N, C-alpha and C. Protein backbone atom coordinates (compact mmCIF):
# COMPACT_ATOMS: atom_id res chain seq x y z
N MET A 1 51.33 119.19 110.43
CA MET A 1 52.34 120.11 110.19
C MET A 1 53.20 120.36 111.23
N ARG A 2 54.39 120.53 111.01
CA ARG A 2 55.45 120.74 112.18
C ARG A 2 55.40 122.16 112.57
N LYS A 3 55.64 122.40 113.79
CA LYS A 3 55.57 123.79 114.38
C LYS A 3 57.19 124.25 114.24
N LEU A 4 57.32 125.38 114.00
CA LEU A 4 58.56 126.22 114.02
C LEU A 4 58.49 127.08 115.33
N ILE A 5 59.47 126.68 116.37
CA ILE A 5 59.37 127.25 117.69
C ILE A 5 60.84 127.98 117.88
N GLU A 6 60.79 129.35 118.04
CA GLU A 6 61.95 130.07 118.46
C GLU A 6 62.15 130.04 119.95
N SER A 7 63.29 129.83 120.36
CA SER A 7 63.68 129.76 121.77
C SER A 7 64.82 130.70 121.95
N THR A 8 64.70 131.92 122.74
CA THR A 8 65.61 132.95 122.77
C THR A 8 65.82 133.38 124.37
N HIS A 9 66.99 133.50 124.76
CA HIS A 9 67.30 134.11 126.10
C HIS A 9 67.14 135.59 125.80
N VAL A 10 66.59 136.39 126.68
CA VAL A 10 66.45 137.83 126.70
C VAL A 10 66.47 138.35 128.09
N SER A 11 67.31 139.44 128.13
CA SER A 11 67.57 140.19 129.41
C SER A 11 66.22 141.07 129.65
N LEU A 12 66.19 141.60 130.74
CA LEU A 12 65.03 142.64 131.09
C LEU A 12 65.25 143.82 130.13
N GLY A 13 66.44 144.13 129.84
CA GLY A 13 66.64 145.31 128.89
C GLY A 13 66.39 144.96 127.46
N GLY A 14 66.12 143.63 127.21
CA GLY A 14 65.80 143.43 125.73
C GLY A 14 67.14 142.71 124.97
N GLU A 15 68.17 142.60 125.63
CA GLU A 15 69.41 142.16 125.02
C GLU A 15 69.40 140.54 124.70
N ILE A 16 69.86 140.30 123.53
CA ILE A 16 69.75 138.91 123.22
C ILE A 16 71.23 138.35 122.78
N GLY A 17 72.16 139.20 122.37
CA GLY A 17 73.31 138.88 121.70
C GLY A 17 74.37 138.38 122.47
N SER A 18 74.32 138.40 123.83
CA SER A 18 75.35 137.90 124.69
C SER A 18 75.00 137.11 125.76
N PRO A 19 74.01 136.13 125.61
CA PRO A 19 73.60 135.45 126.71
C PRO A 19 74.58 134.66 127.49
N HIS A 20 75.73 134.34 126.89
CA HIS A 20 76.81 133.75 127.48
C HIS A 20 77.45 134.44 128.71
N GLU A 21 77.25 135.80 128.55
CA GLU A 21 77.78 136.66 129.53
C GLU A 21 76.80 136.89 130.82
N TRP A 22 75.52 136.67 130.57
CA TRP A 22 74.53 137.02 131.68
C TRP A 22 73.68 135.83 132.02
N ALA A 23 73.25 134.95 131.11
CA ALA A 23 72.41 133.96 131.32
C ALA A 23 72.90 132.74 132.02
N PHE A 24 74.06 132.30 131.88
CA PHE A 24 74.66 131.18 132.25
C PHE A 24 74.44 130.95 133.81
N PRO A 25 74.57 131.90 134.71
CA PRO A 25 74.20 131.63 136.06
C PRO A 25 72.69 131.27 136.30
N TYR A 26 72.01 131.48 135.53
CA TYR A 26 70.53 131.14 135.47
C TYR A 26 70.08 129.80 134.87
N LEU A 27 71.17 128.97 134.36
CA LEU A 27 70.91 127.79 133.76
C LEU A 27 70.90 126.59 134.76
N ASN A 28 69.88 126.39 135.41
CA ASN A 28 69.74 125.30 136.51
C ASN A 28 68.95 124.10 135.90
N GLU A 29 68.59 123.20 136.83
CA GLU A 29 67.83 122.05 136.48
C GLU A 29 66.51 122.27 135.75
N GLU A 30 65.89 123.35 136.38
CA GLU A 30 64.43 123.60 135.65
C GLU A 30 64.74 123.89 134.24
N HIS A 31 65.74 125.01 133.95
CA HIS A 31 66.04 125.30 132.61
C HIS A 31 66.44 124.03 131.74
N LEU A 32 67.20 123.13 132.29
CA LEU A 32 67.65 122.02 131.68
C LEU A 32 66.52 121.22 131.31
N ASP A 33 65.62 120.91 132.27
CA ASP A 33 64.44 120.13 131.98
C ASP A 33 63.50 120.76 130.78
N TYR A 34 63.34 122.07 130.88
CA TYR A 34 62.65 122.71 129.77
C TYR A 34 63.32 122.57 128.39
N ALA A 35 64.62 122.78 128.44
CA ALA A 35 65.40 122.75 127.12
C ALA A 35 65.35 121.37 126.56
N THR A 36 65.57 120.45 127.49
CA THR A 36 65.60 118.99 127.08
C THR A 36 64.26 118.62 126.45
N ARG A 37 63.14 118.97 127.11
CA ARG A 37 61.83 118.59 126.51
C ARG A 37 61.64 119.27 125.17
N LEU A 38 62.01 120.55 124.91
CA LEU A 38 61.96 121.37 123.78
C LEU A 38 62.71 120.60 122.66
N LEU A 39 64.03 120.20 122.98
CA LEU A 39 64.94 119.63 122.02
C LEU A 39 64.57 118.34 121.50
N PHE A 40 64.03 117.50 122.48
CA PHE A 40 63.75 116.09 122.21
C PHE A 40 62.34 116.08 121.58
N ALA A 41 61.65 117.13 121.54
CA ALA A 41 60.30 117.20 120.74
C ALA A 41 60.67 117.60 119.42
N ALA A 42 61.81 118.04 118.98
CA ALA A 42 62.20 118.51 117.79
C ALA A 42 62.97 117.52 117.00
N GLU A 43 62.84 117.61 115.59
CA GLU A 43 63.62 116.75 114.69
C GLU A 43 64.50 117.50 113.71
N ALA A 44 64.56 118.88 114.03
CA ALA A 44 65.57 119.81 113.25
C ALA A 44 65.68 121.00 113.98
N LEU A 45 66.86 121.66 113.58
CA LEU A 45 67.16 123.00 114.20
C LEU A 45 67.27 123.91 112.87
N LEU A 46 66.72 125.11 113.12
CA LEU A 46 66.98 126.09 112.04
C LEU A 46 67.74 127.28 112.73
N LEU A 47 68.84 127.65 112.01
CA LEU A 47 69.87 128.59 112.73
C LEU A 47 70.17 129.71 111.74
N GLY A 48 70.40 130.94 112.22
CA GLY A 48 71.16 131.78 111.46
C GLY A 48 72.56 131.57 111.55
N ARG A 49 73.33 132.34 110.73
CA ARG A 49 74.80 132.16 110.64
C ARG A 49 75.48 132.37 112.07
N VAL A 50 75.15 133.35 112.69
CA VAL A 50 75.79 133.79 114.00
C VAL A 50 75.53 132.75 114.99
N THR A 51 74.32 132.25 115.13
CA THR A 51 73.93 131.27 116.17
C THR A 51 74.64 129.94 115.73
N TYR A 52 74.73 129.58 114.46
CA TYR A 52 75.28 128.46 114.02
C TYR A 52 76.70 128.35 114.30
N GLU A 53 77.48 129.40 114.03
CA GLU A 53 78.80 129.50 114.31
C GLU A 53 79.21 129.33 115.88
N GLY A 54 78.33 130.00 116.66
CA GLY A 54 78.62 129.95 118.18
C GLY A 54 78.35 128.52 118.58
N LEU A 55 77.27 127.87 118.19
CA LEU A 55 76.79 126.56 118.74
C LEU A 55 77.91 125.50 118.02
N SER A 56 78.19 125.65 116.76
CA SER A 56 79.05 124.53 116.14
C SER A 56 80.33 124.71 116.68
N ALA A 57 80.82 125.76 117.26
CA ALA A 57 82.07 125.89 117.82
C ALA A 57 82.19 125.27 119.26
N ALA A 58 81.07 125.24 119.89
CA ALA A 58 81.03 124.68 121.24
C ALA A 58 80.73 123.30 121.35
N TYR A 59 79.59 122.92 120.74
CA TYR A 59 79.02 121.42 121.01
C TYR A 59 79.72 120.27 120.57
N PRO A 60 80.56 120.28 119.48
CA PRO A 60 81.33 119.11 119.08
C PRO A 60 82.20 118.51 120.00
N THR A 61 82.94 119.50 120.86
CA THR A 61 83.77 119.16 121.91
C THR A 61 83.28 119.22 123.37
N MET A 62 82.14 119.63 123.54
CA MET A 62 81.49 119.71 124.83
C MET A 62 81.29 118.41 125.47
N THR A 63 81.43 118.32 126.77
CA THR A 63 81.19 117.22 127.65
C THR A 63 80.27 117.67 128.72
N SER A 64 79.65 116.68 129.40
CA SER A 64 78.96 117.00 130.49
C SER A 64 79.61 117.58 131.65
N ALA A 65 80.73 117.10 131.77
CA ALA A 65 81.66 117.63 132.85
C ALA A 65 81.95 119.06 132.83
N ASP A 66 82.28 119.62 131.57
CA ASP A 66 82.52 121.00 131.45
C ASP A 66 81.20 122.03 131.22
N SER A 67 80.21 121.35 130.86
CA SER A 67 79.04 122.26 130.51
C SER A 67 77.85 122.03 131.61
N GLY A 68 77.86 120.91 132.26
CA GLY A 68 76.74 120.72 133.26
C GLY A 68 75.51 120.12 132.51
N ALA A 69 75.49 120.05 131.21
CA ALA A 69 74.42 119.36 130.41
C ALA A 69 74.67 117.92 130.42
N PRO A 70 73.59 117.11 130.54
CA PRO A 70 73.89 115.63 130.35
C PRO A 70 74.30 115.28 129.04
N ASP A 71 74.78 114.03 128.93
CA ASP A 71 75.50 113.60 127.70
C ASP A 71 74.33 113.30 126.66
N GLN A 72 73.13 113.05 127.06
CA GLN A 72 71.98 112.86 126.06
C GLN A 72 71.53 114.17 125.36
N PHE A 73 71.66 115.30 126.21
CA PHE A 73 71.45 116.55 125.77
C PHE A 73 72.38 116.87 124.52
N ILE A 74 73.58 116.91 124.92
CA ILE A 74 74.77 117.11 124.04
C ILE A 74 74.70 116.17 122.76
N ASP A 75 74.50 114.95 123.01
CA ASP A 75 74.41 113.99 121.87
C ASP A 75 73.28 114.44 120.76
N ARG A 76 72.13 114.85 121.56
CA ARG A 76 71.03 115.29 120.61
C ARG A 76 71.44 116.49 119.85
N MET A 77 71.92 117.44 120.59
CA MET A 77 72.33 118.68 119.82
C MET A 77 73.33 118.35 118.70
N ASN A 78 74.14 117.37 118.91
CA ASN A 78 75.25 117.07 117.81
C ASN A 78 74.73 116.37 116.82
N SER A 79 73.55 115.47 116.97
CA SER A 79 73.21 114.59 116.01
C SER A 79 71.90 115.06 115.27
N ILE A 80 71.16 116.02 115.81
CA ILE A 80 69.93 116.49 115.10
C ILE A 80 70.38 117.22 113.85
N PRO A 81 69.68 117.03 112.67
CA PRO A 81 69.80 117.78 111.53
C PRO A 81 69.60 119.40 111.75
N LYS A 82 70.50 119.98 111.14
CA LYS A 82 70.45 121.48 111.27
C LYS A 82 70.49 122.17 109.93
N TYR A 83 69.78 123.14 109.77
CA TYR A 83 69.63 124.03 108.58
C TYR A 83 70.08 125.35 108.87
N VAL A 84 70.94 126.01 108.07
CA VAL A 84 71.55 127.26 108.32
C VAL A 84 71.23 128.24 107.30
N ALA A 85 70.52 129.44 107.63
CA ALA A 85 70.33 130.51 106.67
C ALA A 85 71.54 131.36 106.62
N SER A 86 72.21 131.33 105.55
CA SER A 86 73.29 132.29 105.44
C SER A 86 73.74 132.56 104.06
N THR A 87 73.94 133.82 103.53
CA THR A 87 74.56 134.07 102.25
C THR A 87 75.92 134.20 102.25
N THR A 88 76.64 134.01 103.38
CA THR A 88 78.04 134.15 103.43
C THR A 88 78.86 132.79 103.69
N LEU A 89 78.17 131.85 104.29
CA LEU A 89 78.76 130.52 104.50
C LEU A 89 78.87 129.82 103.35
N ARG A 90 79.97 129.24 103.06
CA ARG A 90 80.02 128.16 101.88
C ARG A 90 80.14 126.75 102.30
N GLU A 91 80.39 126.51 103.40
CA GLU A 91 80.50 125.17 103.86
C GLU A 91 80.09 124.99 105.32
N THR A 92 79.66 123.88 105.70
CA THR A 92 79.24 123.76 107.13
C THR A 92 79.79 122.31 107.61
N THR A 93 79.74 122.15 108.89
CA THR A 93 80.10 120.89 109.52
C THR A 93 78.87 120.70 110.54
N TRP A 94 79.10 119.83 111.43
CA TRP A 94 78.04 119.72 112.60
C TRP A 94 76.73 119.28 112.08
N ASN A 95 76.59 118.33 111.21
CA ASN A 95 75.35 117.78 110.68
C ASN A 95 74.53 118.94 110.33
N ALA A 96 75.07 119.92 109.45
CA ALA A 96 74.32 121.09 109.09
C ALA A 96 74.47 121.22 107.44
N THR A 97 73.21 121.81 107.09
CA THR A 97 73.10 122.12 105.70
C THR A 97 72.77 123.52 105.40
N ILE A 98 73.46 124.12 104.44
CA ILE A 98 73.14 125.63 104.21
C ILE A 98 71.86 125.57 103.30
N ILE A 99 71.07 126.44 103.63
CA ILE A 99 69.78 126.66 102.89
C ILE A 99 70.12 127.46 101.57
N GLU A 100 69.88 126.77 100.50
CA GLU A 100 70.09 127.36 99.10
C GLU A 100 68.91 128.21 98.76
N GLY A 101 69.09 129.26 98.16
CA GLY A 101 68.06 130.08 97.69
C GLY A 101 67.07 130.80 98.77
N ASP A 102 65.90 131.04 98.46
CA ASP A 102 64.93 131.76 99.38
C ASP A 102 64.63 130.90 100.68
N VAL A 103 64.82 131.56 101.76
CA VAL A 103 64.73 130.84 103.05
C VAL A 103 63.17 130.51 103.17
N ALA A 104 62.30 131.51 102.81
CA ALA A 104 60.82 131.39 103.25
C ALA A 104 60.25 130.06 102.53
N PRO A 105 60.36 129.75 101.31
CA PRO A 105 59.82 128.53 100.64
C PRO A 105 60.48 127.31 101.36
N PHE A 106 61.70 127.41 101.61
CA PHE A 106 62.41 126.29 102.13
C PHE A 106 61.80 125.91 103.51
N VAL A 107 61.71 126.89 104.35
CA VAL A 107 61.22 126.56 105.66
C VAL A 107 59.71 126.21 105.64
N SER A 108 59.06 126.88 104.82
CA SER A 108 57.57 126.50 104.52
C SER A 108 57.56 124.99 104.01
N ASP A 109 58.34 124.44 103.25
CA ASP A 109 58.50 123.07 102.80
C ASP A 109 58.67 122.26 103.97
N LEU A 110 59.74 122.68 104.77
CA LEU A 110 60.33 121.98 105.79
C LEU A 110 59.16 121.67 106.96
N LYS A 111 58.43 122.65 107.08
CA LYS A 111 57.36 122.49 108.01
C LYS A 111 56.25 121.59 107.62
N LYS A 112 56.21 121.36 106.32
CA LYS A 112 55.09 120.49 105.81
C LYS A 112 55.51 118.95 105.90
N GLN A 113 56.85 118.81 106.03
CA GLN A 113 57.24 117.40 106.16
C GLN A 113 56.90 116.74 107.46
N PRO A 114 56.68 115.49 107.37
CA PRO A 114 56.41 114.85 108.66
C PRO A 114 57.48 114.75 109.71
N GLY A 115 57.10 114.78 110.92
CA GLY A 115 58.00 114.63 111.93
C GLY A 115 57.85 115.66 113.01
N GLY A 116 58.76 115.75 113.83
CA GLY A 116 58.71 116.53 115.07
C GLY A 116 58.90 118.04 114.86
N ASN A 117 58.98 118.93 115.93
CA ASN A 117 59.02 120.33 115.75
C ASN A 117 60.38 120.76 115.04
N ILE A 118 60.42 122.06 114.72
CA ILE A 118 61.70 122.57 114.31
C ILE A 118 62.09 123.65 115.25
N ILE A 119 63.25 123.67 115.90
CA ILE A 119 63.67 124.73 116.79
C ILE A 119 64.46 125.62 116.24
N LYS A 120 64.35 126.85 116.54
CA LYS A 120 65.25 128.04 116.07
C LYS A 120 65.72 128.74 117.43
N TYR A 121 66.96 128.61 117.52
CA TYR A 121 67.48 129.20 118.68
C TYR A 121 68.11 130.69 118.22
N GLY A 122 67.96 131.68 119.15
CA GLY A 122 68.37 133.01 118.79
C GLY A 122 67.39 133.79 118.10
N ASN A 123 67.68 135.06 117.89
CA ASN A 123 66.67 136.11 117.32
C ASN A 123 67.58 137.07 116.59
N GLY A 124 67.36 137.28 115.27
CA GLY A 124 68.18 138.09 114.48
C GLY A 124 67.45 138.28 113.21
N PRO A 125 68.35 138.69 112.20
CA PRO A 125 67.90 139.01 110.87
C PRO A 125 66.98 137.92 110.11
N LEU A 126 67.15 136.70 110.48
CA LEU A 126 66.47 135.63 109.88
C LEU A 126 64.91 135.76 110.24
N ASP A 127 64.80 136.27 111.46
CA ASP A 127 63.44 136.43 112.00
C ASP A 127 62.55 137.46 111.11
N ALA A 128 63.12 138.43 110.48
CA ALA A 128 62.49 139.38 109.61
C ALA A 128 61.83 138.47 108.58
N THR A 129 62.52 137.65 107.93
CA THR A 129 61.82 136.85 106.84
C THR A 129 60.97 135.93 107.37
N LEU A 130 61.13 135.38 108.42
CA LEU A 130 60.23 134.16 109.01
C LEU A 130 59.01 134.87 109.46
N MET A 131 59.08 136.08 110.21
CA MET A 131 57.90 136.55 110.52
C MET A 131 57.07 137.30 109.46
N GLU A 132 57.75 137.80 108.47
CA GLU A 132 57.06 138.40 107.18
C GLU A 132 56.21 137.37 106.60
N HIS A 133 56.58 136.09 106.55
CA HIS A 133 55.88 135.03 105.93
C HIS A 133 55.04 134.19 106.88
N GLY A 134 55.04 134.57 108.02
CA GLY A 134 54.08 133.92 109.15
C GLY A 134 54.65 132.51 109.46
N LEU A 135 55.96 132.22 109.39
CA LEU A 135 56.41 130.95 109.63
C LEU A 135 56.75 130.55 110.98
N ILE A 136 56.89 131.47 111.92
CA ILE A 136 57.03 131.16 113.34
C ILE A 136 55.79 130.93 114.08
N ASP A 137 55.55 129.74 114.63
CA ASP A 137 54.43 129.27 115.34
C ASP A 137 54.41 129.70 116.76
N GLU A 138 55.58 129.59 117.34
CA GLU A 138 55.64 129.95 118.83
C GLU A 138 57.01 130.62 119.02
N PHE A 139 56.89 131.59 119.86
CA PHE A 139 58.22 132.30 120.50
C PHE A 139 58.40 131.94 121.93
N HIS A 140 59.44 131.30 122.28
CA HIS A 140 59.66 130.86 123.72
C HIS A 140 60.69 131.89 124.14
N LEU A 141 60.33 132.91 124.87
CA LEU A 141 61.33 133.99 125.38
C LEU A 141 61.68 133.63 126.75
N LEU A 142 62.97 133.38 127.02
CA LEU A 142 63.38 133.02 128.39
C LEU A 142 63.86 134.49 129.00
N LEU A 143 62.92 135.04 129.62
CA LEU A 143 63.20 136.42 130.29
C LEU A 143 63.99 136.18 131.54
N THR A 144 65.25 136.69 131.41
CA THR A 144 66.27 136.56 132.59
C THR A 144 66.40 137.74 133.41
N PRO A 145 66.20 137.78 134.71
CA PRO A 145 66.13 138.89 135.66
C PRO A 145 67.55 139.56 135.70
N VAL A 146 67.99 140.02 134.60
CA VAL A 146 69.35 140.85 134.70
C VAL A 146 69.05 142.07 133.65
N ALA A 147 69.45 143.32 134.05
CA ALA A 147 69.11 144.31 133.34
C ALA A 147 70.35 144.70 132.56
N VAL A 148 70.35 144.05 131.28
CA VAL A 148 71.46 144.39 130.27
C VAL A 148 70.66 145.24 129.20
N GLY A 149 71.24 146.40 128.88
CA GLY A 149 70.68 147.25 127.87
C GLY A 149 71.53 147.48 126.63
N ARG A 150 72.84 147.29 126.66
CA ARG A 150 73.63 147.25 125.58
C ARG A 150 73.59 146.03 124.70
N GLY A 151 74.10 146.08 123.51
CA GLY A 151 74.05 144.83 122.63
C GLY A 151 72.92 144.82 121.82
N GLN A 152 72.90 143.54 121.11
CA GLN A 152 71.72 143.19 120.30
C GLN A 152 70.42 143.13 120.98
N HIS A 153 69.39 143.68 120.36
CA HIS A 153 68.11 143.70 121.17
C HIS A 153 67.18 142.79 120.23
N LEU A 154 66.19 142.23 121.14
CA LEU A 154 65.06 141.36 120.63
C LEU A 154 64.40 142.10 119.55
N PHE A 155 64.22 141.46 118.43
CA PHE A 155 63.52 142.05 117.23
C PHE A 155 64.05 143.22 116.59
N GLU A 156 65.29 143.48 116.81
CA GLU A 156 65.86 144.65 116.26
C GLU A 156 65.88 144.69 114.62
N SER A 157 65.88 143.52 114.20
CA SER A 157 65.79 143.45 112.72
C SER A 157 64.42 143.56 112.12
N ILE A 158 63.52 143.62 112.81
CA ILE A 158 62.08 143.65 112.39
C ILE A 158 61.52 145.07 112.37
N ASP A 159 61.03 145.54 111.16
CA ASP A 159 60.42 146.77 111.08
C ASP A 159 58.85 146.72 111.62
N THR A 160 58.20 145.77 111.13
CA THR A 160 56.83 145.64 111.61
C THR A 160 56.59 144.17 111.86
N ALA A 161 55.97 143.87 113.05
CA ALA A 161 55.74 142.38 113.39
C ALA A 161 54.21 142.22 113.67
N PRO A 162 53.89 140.98 113.46
CA PRO A 162 52.37 140.68 113.78
C PRO A 162 52.22 140.82 115.31
N ALA A 163 51.00 141.04 115.62
CA ALA A 163 50.60 140.96 117.06
C ALA A 163 50.80 139.58 117.68
N LEU A 164 51.28 139.56 118.90
CA LEU A 164 51.54 138.14 119.54
C LEU A 164 50.52 138.09 120.79
N LYS A 165 50.27 136.93 121.06
CA LYS A 165 49.37 136.60 122.20
C LYS A 165 50.11 135.69 123.20
N LEU A 166 50.00 136.03 124.45
CA LEU A 166 50.73 135.13 125.39
C LEU A 166 49.83 133.77 125.55
N ALA A 167 50.63 132.75 125.23
CA ALA A 167 49.89 131.43 125.36
C ALA A 167 50.13 130.66 126.63
N ASP A 168 51.34 130.89 127.17
CA ASP A 168 51.79 130.09 128.36
C ASP A 168 52.90 130.86 129.02
N MET A 169 52.92 130.64 130.41
CA MET A 169 54.16 131.28 131.12
C MET A 169 54.55 130.15 132.19
N THR A 170 55.80 130.05 132.38
CA THR A 170 56.36 129.19 133.46
C THR A 170 57.40 130.10 134.05
N ARG A 171 57.44 129.99 135.42
CA ARG A 171 58.27 130.68 136.17
C ARG A 171 59.15 129.63 136.96
N PHE A 172 60.35 129.84 136.75
CA PHE A 172 61.50 128.93 137.31
C PHE A 172 61.68 129.51 138.70
N GLY A 173 62.22 128.74 139.58
CA GLY A 173 62.45 129.16 141.04
C GLY A 173 63.53 130.33 141.07
N ASN A 174 64.36 130.48 140.16
CA ASN A 174 65.35 131.49 140.06
C ASN A 174 64.83 132.81 139.39
N ASP A 175 63.44 132.89 139.19
CA ASP A 175 62.85 134.10 138.64
C ASP A 175 62.88 134.29 137.10
N VAL A 176 63.62 133.28 136.35
CA VAL A 176 63.60 133.37 134.88
C VAL A 176 62.02 132.90 134.49
N LEU A 177 61.58 133.69 133.62
CA LEU A 177 60.18 133.47 133.10
C LEU A 177 60.24 132.86 131.65
N VAL A 178 59.64 131.72 131.37
CA VAL A 178 59.48 131.31 130.05
C VAL A 178 58.18 131.83 129.47
N LEU A 179 58.17 132.85 128.67
CA LEU A 179 56.93 133.38 128.00
C LEU A 179 56.82 132.81 126.73
N VAL A 180 55.78 132.17 126.49
CA VAL A 180 55.40 131.57 125.08
C VAL A 180 54.25 132.39 124.47
N TYR A 181 54.68 133.00 123.45
CA TYR A 181 53.78 133.76 122.61
C TYR A 181 53.54 133.30 121.19
N VAL A 182 52.34 133.35 120.73
CA VAL A 182 52.00 132.84 119.48
C VAL A 182 51.28 134.03 118.68
N PRO A 183 51.50 134.08 117.31
CA PRO A 183 50.92 135.04 116.48
C PRO A 183 49.45 135.02 116.58
N THR A 184 48.71 136.17 116.61
CA THR A 184 47.43 136.13 116.64
C THR A 184 46.71 136.20 115.36
């Protein structure tokens, strides 16, 4: 069975909605190595509408010269199949498919297919459904040492969540912590 892994940048204040404003100075070689391993172990991306719109606007024209990411990472992001949970989008580009109908059964079936992991970037309303149905296998929280309190917060769309257990922790040289939690 494939794992569904959520990977989210989070500030010390719990903010997740604007990592482009505070996380970029912390995206170094260690982060790139981590992100590359995670992406290349996956065979699909699961995205909410907001994350899809942001990534699909950036990646198709991105180059290694303007982003610092190697071409192989950009190529993988552009080519990997993407599944978008949205009730408002009517069409997609960027090798993406809109999930029709209920998200939970779709994701459950997707996890049962053979292949590599499924990566979900970001944290938002989609998580409420995924967590309610026990579909997220790992949370990779990239805790960035900046105190941002305003904005969208981690798990703000969740009323009640299952208990999580710390399964792994990696500390980058710039004090970013990758905290890997699994549901207990």
